[in-house]
C-alpha atoms as a PDB file:
ATOM      1  CA  MET A   1     -32.617 -61.437 -30.924  1.00  0.00           C
ATOM      2  CA  SER A   2     -29.725 -59.047 -32.857  1.00  0.00           C
ATOM      3  CA  ASN A   3     -29.594 -55.575 -33.053  1.00  0.00           C
ATOM      4  CA  GLN A   4     -29.690 -53.770 -36.917  1.00  0.00           C
ATOM      5  CA  SER A   5     -28.358 -50.885 -37.768  1.00  0.00           C
ATOM      6  CA  ILE A   6     -30.423 -48.553 -39.008  1.00  0.00           C
ATOM      7  CA  THR A   7     -29.958 -44.986 -40.715  1.00  0.00           C
ATOM      8  CA  ILE A   8     -32.463 -42.140 -41.147  1.00  0.00           C
ATOM      9  CA  ARG A   9     -32.334 -38.015 -42.083  1.00  0.00           C
ATOM     10  CA  THR A  10     -34.312 -36.065 -39.713  1.00  0.00           C
ATOM     11  CA  LYS A  11     -33.995 -32.017 -39.163  1.00  0.00           C
ATOM     12  CA  SER A  12     -31.381 -31.027 -37.067  1.00  0.00           C
ATOM     13  CA  ASN A  13     -33.842 -29.547 -34.433  1.00  0.00           C
ATOM     14  CA  THR A  14     -35.536 -32.861 -33.414  1.00  0.00           C
ATOM     15  CA  VAL A  15     -31.887 -33.994 -33.558  1.00  0.00           C
ATOM     16  CA  ASP A  16     -31.054 -31.360 -30.900  1.00  0.00           C
ATOM     17  CA  LYS A  17     -33.849 -32.355 -28.770  1.00  0.00           C
ATOM     18  CA  ILE A  18     -33.162 -36.359 -28.890  1.00  0.00           C
ATOM     19  CA  SER A  19     -29.874 -34.901 -27.646  1.00  0.00           C
ATOM     20  CA  ALA A  20     -31.682 -32.586 -24.881  1.00  0.00           C
ATOM     21  CA  ILE A  21     -33.736 -35.495 -23.969  1.00  0.00           C
ATOM     22  CA  ALA A  22     -30.802 -38.486 -23.816  1.00  0.00           C
ATOM     23  CA  LYS A  23     -28.714 -35.540 -21.526  1.00  0.00           C
ATOM     24  CA  ALA A  24     -31.735 -34.896 -19.228  1.00  0.00           C
ATOM     25  CA  MET A  25     -32.439 -39.043 -18.663  1.00  0.00           C
ATOM     26  CA  ASP A  26     -28.408 -39.766 -18.257  1.00  0.00           C
ATOM     27  CA  ARG A  27     -29.017 -41.861 -21.360  1.00  0.00           C
ATOM     28  CA  SER A  28     -27.926 -42.451 -24.990  1.00  0.00           C
ATOM     29  CA  ARG A  29     -29.378 -40.948 -28.218  1.00  0.00           C
ATOM     30  CA  ASN A  30     -30.206 -45.044 -28.993  1.00  0.00           C
ATOM     31  CA  TRP A  31     -31.901 -45.597 -25.980  1.00  0.00           C
ATOM     32  CA  VAL A  32     -33.483 -42.361 -26.376  1.00  0.00           C
ATOM     33  CA  ILE A  33     -34.838 -43.722 -30.195  1.00  0.00           C
ATOM     34  CA  GLU A  34     -35.277 -46.824 -29.642  1.00  0.00           C
ATOM     35  CA  ASP A  35     -37.795 -45.667 -26.759  1.00  0.00           C
ATOM     36  CA  ALA A  36     -39.461 -43.892 -28.982  1.00  0.00           C
ATOM     37  CA  LEU A  37     -39.702 -46.773 -31.262  1.00  0.00           C
ATOM     38  CA  LYS A  38     -40.877 -49.430 -29.076  1.00  0.00           C
ATOM     39  CA  GLN A  39     -43.564 -46.871 -28.090  1.00  0.00           C
ATOM     40  CA  TYR A  40     -44.555 -45.192 -31.450  1.00  0.00           C
ATOM     41  CA  ILE A  41     -45.180 -49.121 -32.728  1.00  0.00           C
ATOM     42  CA  ASP A  42     -46.874 -50.220 -29.458  1.00  0.00           C
ATOM     43  CA  GLN A  43     -49.010 -47.822 -29.433  1.00  0.00           C
ATOM     44  CA  GLN A  44     -49.910 -48.218 -33.738  1.00  0.00           C
ATOM     45  CA  ALA A  45     -49.720 -52.365 -33.431  1.00  0.00           C
ATOM     46  CA  TRP A  46     -52.593 -51.517 -30.646  1.00  0.00           C
ATOM     47  CA  TYR A  47     -54.436 -48.934 -32.287  1.00  0.00           C
ATOM     48  CA  ILE A  48     -54.799 -51.847 -36.151  1.00  0.00           C
ATOM     49  CA  GLU A  49     -55.904 -54.887 -33.270  1.00  0.00           C
ATOM     50  CA  GLY A  50     -58.226 -52.952 -32.196  1.00  0.00           C
ATOM     51  CA  ILE A  51     -59.584 -51.393 -36.116  1.00  0.00           C
ATOM     52  CA  HIS A  52     -59.056 -55.506 -36.612  1.00  0.00           C
ATOM     53  CA  GLN A  53     -61.190 -56.542 -33.845  1.00  0.00           C
ATOM     54  CA  ALA A  54     -63.925 -53.804 -34.351  1.00  0.00           C
ATOM     55  CA  LEU A  55     -64.186 -54.538 -37.810  1.00  0.00           C
ATOM     56  CA  ALA A  56     -64.817 -58.297 -37.147  1.00  0.00           C
ATOM     57  CA  SER A  57     -67.153 -57.887 -34.742  1.00  0.00           C
ATOM     58  CA  LEU A  58     -69.435 -55.715 -37.468  1.00  0.00           C
ATOM     59  CA  LYS A  59     -68.643 -58.057 -39.489  1.00  0.00           C
ATOM     60  CA  ALA A  60     -70.478 -61.327 -37.138  1.00  0.00           C
ATOM     61  CA  GLY A  61     -73.693 -58.677 -36.747  1.00  0.00           C
ATOM     62  CA  THR A  62     -71.806 -58.056 -33.092  1.00  0.00           C
ATOM     63  CA  GLY A  63     -70.887 -54.311 -33.527  1.00  0.00           C
ATOM     64  CA  ILE A  64     -73.105 -51.898 -32.454  1.00  0.00           C
ATOM     65  CA  PRO A  65     -74.173 -49.106 -35.833  1.00  0.00           C
ATOM     66  CA  HIS A  66     -73.280 -45.581 -35.856  1.00  0.00           C
ATOM     67  CA  ALA A  67     -76.300 -44.045 -35.447  1.00  0.00           C
ATOM     68  CA  GLU A  68     -77.554 -45.450 -32.337  1.00  0.00           C
ATOM     69  CA  VAL A  69     -74.351 -44.818 -31.040  1.00  0.00           C
ATOM     70  CA  MET A  70     -74.350 -40.657 -31.572  1.00  0.00           C
ATOM     71  CA  ALA A  71     -77.929 -41.247 -30.229  1.00  0.00           C
ATOM     72  CA  GLU A  72     -76.414 -42.504 -27.331  1.00  0.00           C
ATOM     73  CA  ILE A  73     -73.947 -39.897 -27.150  1.00  0.00           C
ATOM     74  CA  SER A  74     -76.381 -37.237 -28.294  1.00  0.00           C
ATOM     75  CA  GLU A  75     -78.557 -38.380 -25.589  1.00  0.00           C
ATOM     76  CA  LEU A  76     -75.931 -38.203 -22.805  1.00  0.00           C
ATOM     77  CA  ILE A  77     -74.108 -34.245 -23.824  1.00  0.00           C
ATOM     78  CA  ASN A  78     -78.643 -33.750 -23.381  1.00  0.00           C
ATOM     79  CA  GLU A  79     -78.993 -35.084 -20.222  1.00  0.00           C
ATOM     80  CA  ARG A  80     -75.873 -33.023 -19.115  1.00  0.00           C
ATOM     81  CA  ILE A  81     -77.001 -30.012 -20.166  1.00  0.00           C
ATOM     82  CA  LYS A  82     -80.380 -30.086 -18.462  1.00  0.00           C
ATOM     83  CA  THR A  83     -78.210 -30.750 -14.897  1.00  0.00           C
ATOM     84  CA  TYR A  84     -76.275 -27.748 -15.232  1.00  0.00           C
ATOM     85  CA  GLU A  85     -78.994 -25.359 -16.238  1.00  0.00           C
ATOM     86  CA  ASN A  86     -81.096 -27.181 -13.195  1.00  0.00           C
ATOM     87  CA  LYS A  87     -77.926 -26.119 -11.441  1.00  0.00           C
ATOM     88  CA  GLN A  88     -78.033 -22.182 -12.981  1.00  0.00           C
END
């Protein structure tokens, strides 16, 4: 895979932070930026894939309706509150 250059504009304090991280890690600013981009892109790809899977699940009728999830969460919260109050 070949490397390509891109140019971005950012605030000087962001550049300062990148420089400080690079120095602390004994890496180049390019390495820090590339690593940050990889992490961000991987996280966003994971997030988007999760959304697509959830939408497909709902479309297939295998998802759990929002109201049902919220009712279960409320029940769990109320159980925790009762447990906490009984310890007091």
